[in-house]
Protein backbone atom coordinates (compact mmCIF):
# COMPACT_ATOMS: atom_id res chain seq x y z
CA MET A 1 -33.59 17.40 -4.89
CA ALA A 2 -31.36 14.19 -5.41
CA PHE A 3 -28.30 14.17 -7.69
CA LEU A 4 -26.97 13.20 -10.68
CA PHE A 5 -24.16 10.70 -10.64
CA PRO A 6 -22.40 9.53 -14.01
CA ASP A 7 -20.87 6.61 -11.71
CA LYS A 8 -23.09 3.43 -11.07
CA TYR A 9 -20.67 2.47 -7.72
CA ILE A 10 -19.69 4.71 -4.93
CA ASP A 11 -15.94 4.93 -4.31
CA PRO A 12 -15.22 3.03 -1.36
CA LEU A 13 -11.88 5.39 -0.64
CA THR A 14 -14.77 8.31 0.70
CA ASP A 15 -15.71 8.75 4.12
CA PHE A 16 -19.40 7.93 2.80
CA GLY A 17 -17.98 4.88 1.17
CA PHE A 18 -15.97 3.68 3.37
CA LYS A 19 -18.66 3.64 6.05
CA ARG A 20 -21.31 2.27 3.83
CA LEU A 21 -19.51 -1.19 2.72
CA PHE A 22 -17.73 -1.62 6.42
CA GLY A 23 -19.64 0.27 9.17
CA THR A 24 -23.43 -0.87 9.12
CA GLU A 25 -25.34 -3.66 10.75
CA PRO A 26 -26.62 -4.83 8.42
CA HIS A 27 -23.85 -5.41 5.72
CA LYS A 28 -21.17 -6.54 8.48
CA ALA A 29 -20.92 -9.80 6.48
CA LEU A 30 -18.61 -7.11 4.31
CA LEU A 31 -16.34 -6.17 7.43
CA ILE A 32 -16.07 -10.09 8.59
CA ASP A 33 -14.84 -11.00 5.18
CA PHE A 34 -12.66 -8.39 4.98
CA LEU A 35 -10.93 -8.83 8.06
CA ASN A 36 -10.97 -12.85 7.87
CA THR A 37 -8.69 -12.16 4.16
CA LEU A 38 -6.12 -9.98 6.07
CA LEU A 39 -6.03 -11.91 8.99
CA PRO A 40 -4.39 -15.15 9.71
CA ASP A 41 -6.70 -18.54 9.70
CA HIS A 42 -6.93 -19.15 13.66
CA HIS A 43 -8.91 -16.16 13.61
CA ASP A 44 -11.70 -16.83 11.52
CA ILE A 45 -14.32 -14.33 12.57
CA GLN A 46 -17.85 -15.30 12.55
CA ASP A 47 -19.27 -12.24 14.24
CA VAL A 48 -18.51 -8.05 15.28
CA THR A 49 -19.98 -5.66 16.90
CA PHE A 50 -20.06 -2.28 15.94
CA LYS A 51 -18.45 -0.06 18.81
CA ASN A 52 -18.71 3.26 19.54
CA PRO A 53 -16.25 5.61 16.85
CA GLU A 54 -15.95 7.78 19.30
CA SER A 55 -13.42 7.14 22.36
CA PHE A 56 -12.59 9.45 25.01
CA GLY A 57 -9.39 9.26 27.35
CA ARG A 58 -9.89 7.67 31.10
CA THR A 59 -10.22 11.34 32.53
CA TRP A 60 -12.00 14.28 31.59
CA GLY A 61 -8.72 16.16 30.35
CA ASP A 62 -7.77 13.76 27.97
CA ARG A 63 -7.75 14.04 24.53
CA LYS A 64 -10.26 11.71 22.29
CA ALA A 65 -10.39 9.60 19.43
CA ILE A 66 -12.85 9.41 16.50
CA PHE A 67 -12.10 6.41 14.56
CA ASP A 68 -13.88 5.64 11.11
CA ILE A 69 -14.80 2.08 11.99
CA TYR A 70 -14.81 0.53 14.95
CA CYS A 71 -16.14 -2.95 16.25
CA GLN A 72 -15.21 -6.19 18.35
CA THR A 73 -15.30 -9.81 17.61
CA ASP A 74 -17.47 -12.67 19.28
CA SER A 75 -14.50 -13.49 20.68
CA GLY A 76 -13.42 -10.39 21.96
CA GLU A 77 -10.65 -8.82 19.59
CA ARG A 78 -10.94 -5.21 18.88
CA PHE A 79 -10.63 -3.66 15.11
CA ILE A 80 -9.74 -0.37 14.36
CA VAL A 81 -10.61 -0.19 10.76
CA GLU A 82 -9.36 3.30 9.01
CA ILE A 83 -9.06 4.64 4.96
CA GLN A 84 -6.85 6.76 5.34
CA LYS A 85 -6.76 9.69 2.14
CA ALA A 86 -3.32 11.21 2.00
CA LYS A 87 -0.08 11.49 3.90
CA GLN A 88 -0.06 12.82 7.28
CA GLN A 89 2.65 13.85 9.20
CA PHE A 90 3.61 11.51 12.37
CA PHE A 91 0.90 9.16 11.02
CA LYS A 92 2.17 6.22 12.36
CA ASP A 93 2.05 8.54 15.60
CA ARG A 94 -1.27 8.44 15.04
CA SER A 95 -2.11 4.75 14.61
CA VAL A 96 -0.55 4.07 17.75
CA TYR A 97 -1.86 6.83 19.77
CA TYR A 98 -5.66 5.70 18.94
CA SER A 99 -4.54 1.69 19.38
CA THR A 100 -4.04 2.63 22.85
CA PHE A 101 -7.86 3.82 23.85
CA PRO A 102 -9.04 -0.27 22.88
CA ILE A 103 -6.64 -0.73 25.16
CA GLN A 104 -7.32 1.31 28.27
CA GLN A 105 -11.28 0.81 28.21
CA GLN A 106 -10.00 -3.07 28.87
CA ALA A 107 -9.73 -2.03 32.49
CA ARG A 108 -11.46 -3.42 35.09
CA THR A 109 -12.33 -1.88 38.23
CA GLY A 110 -11.84 -3.73 41.31
CA PRO A 111 -8.96 -7.14 41.13
CA TRP A 112 -8.06 -7.16 38.11
CA ASP A 113 -4.36 -9.33 36.18
CA TYR A 114 -4.53 -7.24 33.35
CA GLN A 115 -5.25 -10.22 30.76
CA LEU A 116 -5.88 -7.83 27.72
CA THR A 117 -7.45 -8.97 24.35
CA ALA A 118 -5.86 -8.63 20.85
CA VAL A 119 -6.37 -4.98 19.37
CA TYR A 120 -5.67 -4.44 15.34
CA THR A 121 -5.52 -1.16 13.37
CA LEU A 122 -6.18 -1.50 10.07
CA GLY A 123 -5.10 0.61 7.80
CA VAL A 124 -6.39 1.28 3.72
CA LEU A 125 -3.84 4.03 2.34
CA ASP A 126 -4.43 5.63 -0.40
CA PHE A 127 -0.79 6.47 -0.50
CA ILE A 128 2.87 4.79 0.22
CA PHE A 129 5.37 5.37 2.77
CA ASP A 130 8.62 7.14 1.56
CA GLU A 131 10.23 4.22 3.26
CA HIS A 132 9.05 1.43 1.10
CA LYS A 133 8.42 3.58 -2.46
CA HIS A 134 10.92 0.68 -3.89
CA GLU A 135 9.15 -2.27 -2.35
CA ASP A 136 7.09 -4.05 -3.94
CA THR A 137 5.16 -5.64 -0.79
CA LEU A 138 2.01 -3.82 -0.36
CA ILE A 139 0.38 -5.09 3.31
CA HIS A 140 2.87 -4.72 6.25
CA THR A 141 2.18 -6.45 9.36
CA VAL A 142 3.30 -5.00 12.42
CA GLU A 143 3.58 -5.93 15.47
CA LEU A 144 6.16 -5.73 18.24
CA LYS A 145 9.30 -7.73 18.51
CA ASN A 146 12.94 -8.21 20.85
CA GLN A 147 16.02 -7.57 20.09
CA HIS A 148 16.44 -11.01 18.27
CA CYS A 149 12.99 -10.12 15.60
CA GLU A 150 11.15 -13.01 18.23
CA VAL A 151 7.44 -11.20 19.00
CA PHE A 152 7.43 -9.75 21.97
CA TYR A 153 3.41 -9.37 22.27
CA ASP A 154 1.63 -10.73 20.28
CA LYS A 155 -1.58 -9.04 21.17
CA LEU A 156 -1.62 -5.46 19.62
CA LYS A 157 -1.10 -5.90 15.74
CA PHE A 158 -1.26 -2.66 12.82
CA ILE A 159 -1.57 -3.72 9.36
CA TYR A 160 -1.01 -1.57 6.53
CA ILE A 161 -2.38 -1.19 2.98
CA GLU A 162 -0.38 0.74 0.80
CA LEU A 163 -3.22 0.68 -2.15
CA PRO A 164 -1.26 2.50 -5.65
CA LYS A 165 0.92 -0.67 -5.03
CA PHE A 166 -1.77 -2.61 -5.86
CA THR A 167 -1.95 -2.76 -9.97
CA LYS A 168 -3.59 -5.80 -11.06
CA SER A 169 -5.73 -6.23 -13.59
CA LEU A 170 -8.86 -8.54 -13.55
CA ALA A 171 -7.34 -10.95 -15.31
CA GLU A 172 -4.46 -11.42 -12.96
CA LEU A 173 -6.40 -11.65 -9.37
CA THR A 174 -5.31 -14.71 -8.47
CA SER A 175 -6.70 -14.86 -5.19
CA HIS A 176 -9.62 -13.55 -2.23
CA THR A 177 -7.29 -11.18 -1.18
CA ASP A 178 -6.29 -9.59 -5.00
CA LYS A 179 -10.24 -9.43 -5.52
CA TRP A 180 -10.98 -7.26 -2.49
CA LEU A 181 -7.83 -4.86 -3.23
CA PHE A 182 -9.36 -4.72 -7.12
CA VAL A 183 -13.03 -3.47 -5.38
CA LEU A 184 -11.23 -1.30 -3.55
CA ARG A 185 -9.17 0.77 -6.00
CA HIS A 186 -11.34 0.00 -8.81
CA LEU A 187 -14.86 -0.15 -7.58
CA ALA A 188 -16.13 3.46 -8.64
CA GLN A 189 -14.77 3.18 -12.31
CA LEU A 190 -17.01 -0.56 -12.67
CA GLU A 191 -20.10 -0.58 -15.56
CA GLU A 192 -21.36 -3.60 -14.20
CA PRO A 193 -20.01 -6.23 -12.10
CA PRO A 194 -17.32 -8.31 -13.71
CA THR A 195 -17.46 -12.30 -13.86
CA SER A 196 -14.53 -12.93 -11.22
CA LEU A 197 -16.28 -11.11 -9.07
CA GLN A 198 -20.15 -12.47 -9.30
CA GLU A 199 -19.84 -15.10 -6.05
CA GLY A 200 -20.56 -14.94 -2.17
CA VAL A 201 -19.90 -11.54 -0.58
CA PHE A 202 -18.81 -9.70 -3.43
CA ASN A 203 -22.34 -10.03 -5.31
CA GLN A 204 -23.43 -8.48 -1.73
CA LEU A 205 -21.05 -5.70 -1.91
CA PHE A 206 -22.35 -4.84 -5.47
CA GLU A 207 -25.40 -3.95 -4.31
CA VAL A 208 -25.05 -1.99 -1.59
CA ALA A 209 -22.57 0.06 -3.16
CA ARG A 210 -24.82 1.03 -6.42
CA ILE A 211 -25.92 4.32 -6.61
CA ALA A 212 -29.63 3.96 -7.58
CA ASN A 213 -30.11 2.12 -4.46
CA PHE A 214 -29.63 5.14 -2.55
CA SER A 215 -32.11 7.44 -0.90
CA GLU A 216 -32.26 11.21 -1.53
CA ARG A 217 -30.62 12.13 2.11
CA GLU A 218 -28.15 9.09 1.25
CA GLN A 219 -27.03 10.43 -2.54
CA ASP A 220 -27.01 14.51 -1.05
CA MET A 221 -24.52 12.38 1.43
CA TYR A 222 -22.32 10.28 -0.55
CA GLN A 223 -22.15 13.52 -2.96
CA GLU A 224 -21.02 15.59 -0.65
CA SER A 225 -17.91 13.29 0.72
CA LEU A 226 -16.86 12.61 -3.27
CA LYS A 227 -16.83 16.48 -3.12
CA ILE A 228 -14.42 16.66 0.05
CA TYR A 229 -12.71 13.75 -1.27
CA ARG A 230 -11.55 15.59 -4.42
CA ASP A 231 -11.04 18.80 -2.79
CA ASN A 232 -8.53 17.65 -0.58
CA PHE A 233 -7.12 15.61 -3.77
CA ASN A 234 -6.92 18.52 -5.60
CA VAL A 235 -5.51 20.78 -2.40
CA THR A 236 -2.38 18.00 -2.32
CA LYS A 237 -2.08 17.72 -5.86
CA THR A 238 -1.56 21.46 -6.60
CA LEU A 239 0.52 21.92 -3.36
CA ILE A 240 2.97 18.98 -5.09
CA ASP A 241 2.60 20.67 -8.55
CA GLU A 242 3.89 23.90 -6.53
CA SER A 243 6.56 22.80 -4.48
CA LEU A 244 8.05 20.98 -7.62
CA GLN A 245 8.08 24.34 -9.99
CA ALA A 246 9.73 26.12 -6.61
CA GLY A 247 11.97 23.57 -6.93
CA ILE A 248 12.93 24.09 -10.52
CA GLU A 249 12.64 28.16 -10.11
CA GLN A 250 14.66 28.36 -7.64
CA GLY A 251 17.34 25.18 -9.06
CA ILE A 252 17.68 27.73 -12.05
CA GLU A 253 17.78 30.95 -10.37
CA GLN A 254 20.61 29.19 -8.19
CA GLY A 255 22.34 28.26 -11.68
CA VAL A 256 22.23 32.11 -12.93
CA GLN A 257 23.69 33.30 -10.10
CA GLN A 258 26.58 30.93 -10.41
CA VAL A 259 27.33 31.47 -14.06
CA ALA A 260 27.32 35.26 -13.11
CA ARG A 261 29.93 35.03 -10.23
CA GLN A 262 32.03 32.87 -12.62
CA MET A 263 31.67 35.79 -15.30
CA LYS A 264 32.48 38.44 -12.79
CA GLY A 265 35.42 36.45 -11.67
CA ALA A 266 36.64 36.17 -15.27
CA GLY A 267 36.45 40.29 -15.37
CA LEU A 268 33.45 41.27 -17.41
CA SER A 269 31.45 44.43 -16.55
CA LYS A 270 28.42 44.37 -14.56
CA GLN A 271 26.50 45.78 -18.05
CA ASP A 272 27.43 42.75 -20.06
CA ILE A 273 26.89 40.27 -17.21
CA ALA A 274 23.45 41.54 -16.35
CA ARG A 275 22.77 41.42 -20.45
CA PHE A 276 24.00 37.67 -20.77
CA THR A 277 22.01 36.56 -17.46
CA GLY A 278 19.09 39.13 -16.81
CA LEU A 279 20.15 39.55 -13.13
CA SER A 280 20.38 43.98 -12.08
CA GLU A 281 23.86 45.44 -10.93
CA GLN A 282 22.12 45.35 -7.47
CA ASP A 283 21.97 41.84 -7.91
CA ILE A 284 25.16 41.22 -9.37
CA ASP A 285 27.18 43.44 -6.43
CA GLY A 286 25.23 41.24 -4.06
CA LEU A 287 27.10 38.53 -4.91
C-alpha cells in the first residue's frame, strides 16, 4: 500500500532524493548541468557515464568504497558526488581516501606512462565545517598547492558546498548557481515551481522530483529514506541538546562547589554550608 505524503516534491538531502535527481541515466542532464555550474568554463561537460558506485581496492585485502554517485565524463574526468548530512569525524580524510579509488582504477597493465585523467570529489554538505563558521564563503575548492600557493597538481580537486550557509530568498537569486542551491535547500517545502525556476533544466527537475509521479515501490523507498534522514537528524539534535545540558549542569555544579570552598575557608560550619548549597556533608568534606 502506498504512503501518503504531505510534501509535493522529494527532499534532495535524502539518499533516495539525491540519487533520483542526480544518479540515474534518464535524468543525467540534471547532474551534467549541476556539475557544469560548479566547474570552470573550460570543462563544459557534454555527457557522463555512470560507473559502479561500489569500488574495490587493488588487492583482496583492501577495503572498498561505496559512493553515492560515481561517473565519468566523455573526456575522461571522473567525479565522485556525495551528500553528507551530518558532521563526521575525519570527514576530510574520508574524502581523500575515496578519491584514491578512481585514481587507482586508471592503472594499466604492461607499459604505462602514468598519465591520469582528472578526479573530482564533490560534496554537498548539510553542515558547516567548524573552521569555516565565521566565513561567508559556502563553496570551497581545494587543490594541491606548493609552498608558494601555486597549483602543484591540477588533476585532483575537492569541491565542498556548505549548504546551511545559503540563505538567499527567491527574490535574491541572481545566478544559475543560486538557483541550484535554493532547490537543494528548499525543494521539499515548495508547493509549485516558482516563476524564476520555470526554465530549462529546472522544469525537468520538478517533474523528476514530483512525488505523485512515483511508482508505489518508489514511494515506499522514499518514505524509508526520509525516515532514516529524519531519525539521523533527531539523534544528532538529541546528542547536541544533551551535551549542552550536561555542560550547563557541570558548570552549575562547579560553581556551587566553588562557593562551598569559599564558605568553608571562611569558617562556616558544614551544616550551614550544606543548608545554603544543597551539598551533603560528605561532599563538603571532600572539597
